[in-house]
N, C-alpha and C. Protein backbone atom coordinates (compact mmCIF):
# COMPACT_ATOMS: atom_id res chain seq x y z
N UNK A 1 108.11 0.84 47.21
CA UNK A 1 106.85 1.82 47.23
C UNK A 1 106.98 2.58 45.84
N UNK A 2 108.01 2.80 45.54
CA UNK A 2 107.92 3.85 44.18
C UNK A 2 107.24 3.07 43.03
N UNK A 3 107.47 1.73 42.84
CA UNK A 3 106.82 0.96 41.78
C UNK A 3 105.32 0.90 41.87
N UNK A 4 104.83 0.96 43.07
CA UNK A 4 103.50 0.85 43.43
C UNK A 4 102.67 2.23 43.03
N UNK A 5 103.46 3.15 43.12
CA UNK A 5 102.94 4.62 42.64
C UNK A 5 103.26 5.00 41.30
N UNK A 6 103.98 4.11 40.72
CA UNK A 6 104.41 4.49 39.23
C UNK A 6 102.98 4.24 38.30
N UNK A 7 103.11 4.71 37.23
CA UNK A 7 101.99 4.41 36.27
C UNK A 7 101.72 2.90 35.91
N UNK A 8 102.74 2.12 35.94
CA UNK A 8 102.82 0.80 35.64
C UNK A 8 102.09 -0.04 36.98
N UNK A 9 102.72 0.58 37.90
CA UNK A 9 102.11 -0.15 39.21
C UNK A 9 100.51 0.24 39.60
N UNK A 10 100.26 1.48 39.25
CA UNK A 10 98.92 1.87 39.28
C UNK A 10 97.95 1.22 38.39
N UNK A 11 98.55 0.87 37.02
CA UNK A 11 97.53 0.09 35.95
C UNK A 11 97.54 -1.28 36.43
N UNK A 12 98.59 -1.87 37.05
CA UNK A 12 98.46 -3.26 37.55
C UNK A 12 97.61 -3.55 38.67
N UNK A 13 97.54 -2.65 39.69
CA UNK A 13 96.59 -2.67 40.73
C UNK A 13 95.17 -2.24 40.34
N UNK A 14 95.09 -1.42 39.23
CA UNK A 14 93.67 -1.18 38.69
C UNK A 14 93.02 -2.23 38.08
N UNK A 15 93.74 -3.45 37.90
CA UNK A 15 93.06 -4.67 37.42
C UNK A 15 92.19 -5.32 38.49
N UNK A 16 92.58 -5.22 39.82
CA UNK A 16 91.84 -5.98 40.75
C UNK A 16 91.34 -4.93 41.94
N UNK A 17 91.79 -3.67 41.92
CA UNK A 17 91.33 -2.83 42.88
C UNK A 17 91.04 -1.34 42.26
N UNK A 18 90.73 -0.52 43.29
CA UNK A 18 90.38 0.83 42.85
C UNK A 18 91.41 1.70 43.65
N UNK A 19 92.80 1.93 42.91
CA UNK A 19 93.77 2.78 43.46
C UNK A 19 93.45 4.05 44.04
N UNK A 20 92.44 4.72 43.43
CA UNK A 20 92.10 6.07 43.92
C UNK A 20 91.41 6.12 45.27
N UNK A 21 90.79 4.95 45.53
CA UNK A 21 90.08 4.83 47.00
C UNK A 21 91.01 4.24 48.04
N UNK A 22 92.22 3.92 47.62
CA UNK A 22 93.19 3.36 48.84
C UNK A 22 93.48 4.46 49.72
N UNK A 23 93.42 4.08 51.07
CA UNK A 23 93.59 4.78 52.21
C UNK A 23 94.91 4.54 52.80
N UNK A 24 95.74 5.35 53.15
CA UNK A 24 96.97 4.83 53.90
C UNK A 24 96.91 5.71 55.32
N UNK A 25 97.59 4.96 56.23
CA UNK A 25 97.68 5.47 57.51
C UNK A 25 98.83 5.01 58.42
N UNK A 26 99.30 5.63 59.23
CA UNK A 26 100.51 5.27 60.15
C UNK A 26 99.95 4.72 61.43
N UNK A 27 100.45 3.62 62.00
CA UNK A 27 99.96 3.20 63.31
C UNK A 27 100.33 4.21 64.45
N UNK A 28 99.60 4.16 65.33
CA UNK A 28 99.70 5.37 66.70
C UNK A 28 101.28 5.15 67.14
N UNK A 29 101.92 4.12 67.18
CA UNK A 29 103.24 4.05 67.60
C UNK A 29 104.28 4.48 66.22
N UNK A 30 103.71 4.64 65.25
CA UNK A 30 104.54 5.04 64.01
C UNK A 30 105.62 4.03 63.56
N UNK A 31 105.33 2.76 63.92
CA UNK A 31 106.20 1.73 63.64
C UNK A 31 105.78 0.89 62.20
N UNK A 32 104.71 1.36 61.68
CA UNK A 32 104.24 0.55 60.58
C UNK A 32 103.19 1.47 59.65
N UNK A 33 102.96 1.15 58.44
CA UNK A 33 102.07 1.96 57.65
C UNK A 33 101.01 0.78 57.30
N UNK A 34 99.58 1.19 57.25
CA UNK A 34 98.46 0.32 56.94
C UNK A 34 97.95 0.95 55.63
N UNK A 35 97.23 0.07 54.82
CA UNK A 35 96.51 0.65 53.66
C UNK A 35 95.33 -0.15 53.69
N UNK A 36 94.22 0.69 53.49
CA UNK A 36 92.76 -0.01 53.30
C UNK A 36 92.73 -0.04 51.64
N UNK A 37 92.51 -1.09 50.91
CA UNK A 37 92.32 -1.26 49.71
C UNK A 37 91.05 -1.67 49.32
N UNK A 38 90.38 -0.95 48.30
CA UNK A 38 89.16 -1.51 47.76
C UNK A 38 89.36 -2.39 46.61
N UNK A 39 89.08 -3.66 46.94
CA UNK A 39 89.55 -4.59 46.09
C UNK A 39 88.27 -5.16 45.28
N UNK A 40 88.33 -5.37 43.99
CA UNK A 40 87.21 -5.73 43.17
C UNK A 40 87.44 -7.29 42.59
N UNK A 41 88.60 -7.66 42.76
CA UNK A 41 89.05 -9.25 42.45
C UNK A 41 89.87 -9.60 43.52
N UNK A 42 89.40 -10.50 44.37
CA UNK A 42 90.15 -11.02 45.61
C UNK A 42 91.36 -11.99 45.09
N UNK A 43 90.85 -12.80 44.07
CA UNK A 43 92.05 -13.74 43.77
C UNK A 43 93.02 -12.86 43.19
N UNK A 44 92.74 -12.04 42.21
CA UNK A 44 93.86 -11.17 41.66
C UNK A 44 94.69 -10.50 42.61
N UNK A 45 93.96 -10.04 43.75
CA UNK A 45 94.98 -9.33 44.87
C UNK A 45 95.60 -10.41 45.58
N UNK A 46 95.17 -11.35 45.87
CA UNK A 46 95.88 -12.38 46.58
C UNK A 46 97.22 -12.88 45.75
N UNK A 47 97.11 -12.98 44.54
CA UNK A 47 98.26 -13.33 43.53
C UNK A 47 99.16 -12.14 43.55
N UNK A 48 98.65 -10.90 43.59
CA UNK A 48 99.51 -9.76 43.54
C UNK A 48 100.32 -9.71 44.74
N UNK A 49 99.83 -9.81 45.91
CA UNK A 49 100.52 -9.60 47.29
C UNK A 49 101.43 -10.73 47.50
N UNK A 50 101.07 -12.00 46.93
CA UNK A 50 101.91 -13.16 47.19
C UNK A 50 103.08 -13.38 46.21
N UNK A 51 103.31 -12.55 45.22
CA UNK A 51 104.33 -12.57 44.19
C UNK A 51 103.96 -13.50 43.09
N UNK A 52 102.91 -14.00 43.04
CA UNK A 52 102.33 -14.96 41.78
C UNK A 52 102.16 -14.07 40.84
N UNK A 53 101.83 -12.94 40.75
CA UNK A 53 101.46 -11.89 39.68
C UNK A 53 102.78 -11.65 38.78
N UNK A 54 102.73 -12.01 37.43
CA UNK A 54 104.15 -11.89 36.61
C UNK A 54 104.80 -10.53 36.80
N UNK A 55 103.76 -9.51 36.81
CA UNK A 55 104.48 -8.21 36.81
C UNK A 55 104.93 -7.81 38.12
N UNK A 56 104.41 -8.66 39.12
CA UNK A 56 104.98 -8.34 40.65
C UNK A 56 106.22 -9.05 40.97
N UNK A 57 106.57 -10.13 40.35
CA UNK A 57 107.57 -11.09 40.69
C UNK A 57 108.92 -10.27 40.84
N UNK A 58 109.41 -9.56 39.88
CA UNK A 58 110.72 -8.77 40.24
C UNK A 58 110.75 -7.92 41.40
N UNK A 59 109.66 -7.15 41.76
CA UNK A 59 109.57 -6.36 42.96
C UNK A 59 109.54 -7.15 44.03
N UNK A 60 108.75 -8.44 44.17
CA UNK A 60 108.37 -9.18 45.37
C UNK A 60 109.80 -9.80 45.46
N UNK A 61 110.44 -10.32 44.65
CA UNK A 61 111.85 -11.02 44.81
C UNK A 61 113.00 -9.96 45.29
N UNK A 62 112.91 -8.82 45.14
CA UNK A 62 113.91 -7.68 45.70
C UNK A 62 113.70 -7.72 47.17
N UNK A 63 112.21 -7.71 47.62
CA UNK A 63 112.03 -7.45 49.04
C UNK A 63 112.19 -8.68 49.87
N UNK A 64 112.16 -9.95 49.25
CA UNK A 64 112.15 -11.00 50.10
C UNK A 64 113.53 -11.35 50.69
């Protein structure tokens, strides 16, 4: 989560979404966190969350 909030993470997300419009919330049972992301490039977002984006690969591999 730290990388996503870093300057580098915000810049990378800014390529396909609008980070300032991202809305985060916790589920009613507090077991998960959800985010509504305003996406401007759907294919870029799909690459980012699947780990295909070169800048995201190290972070994605650490969590897998």
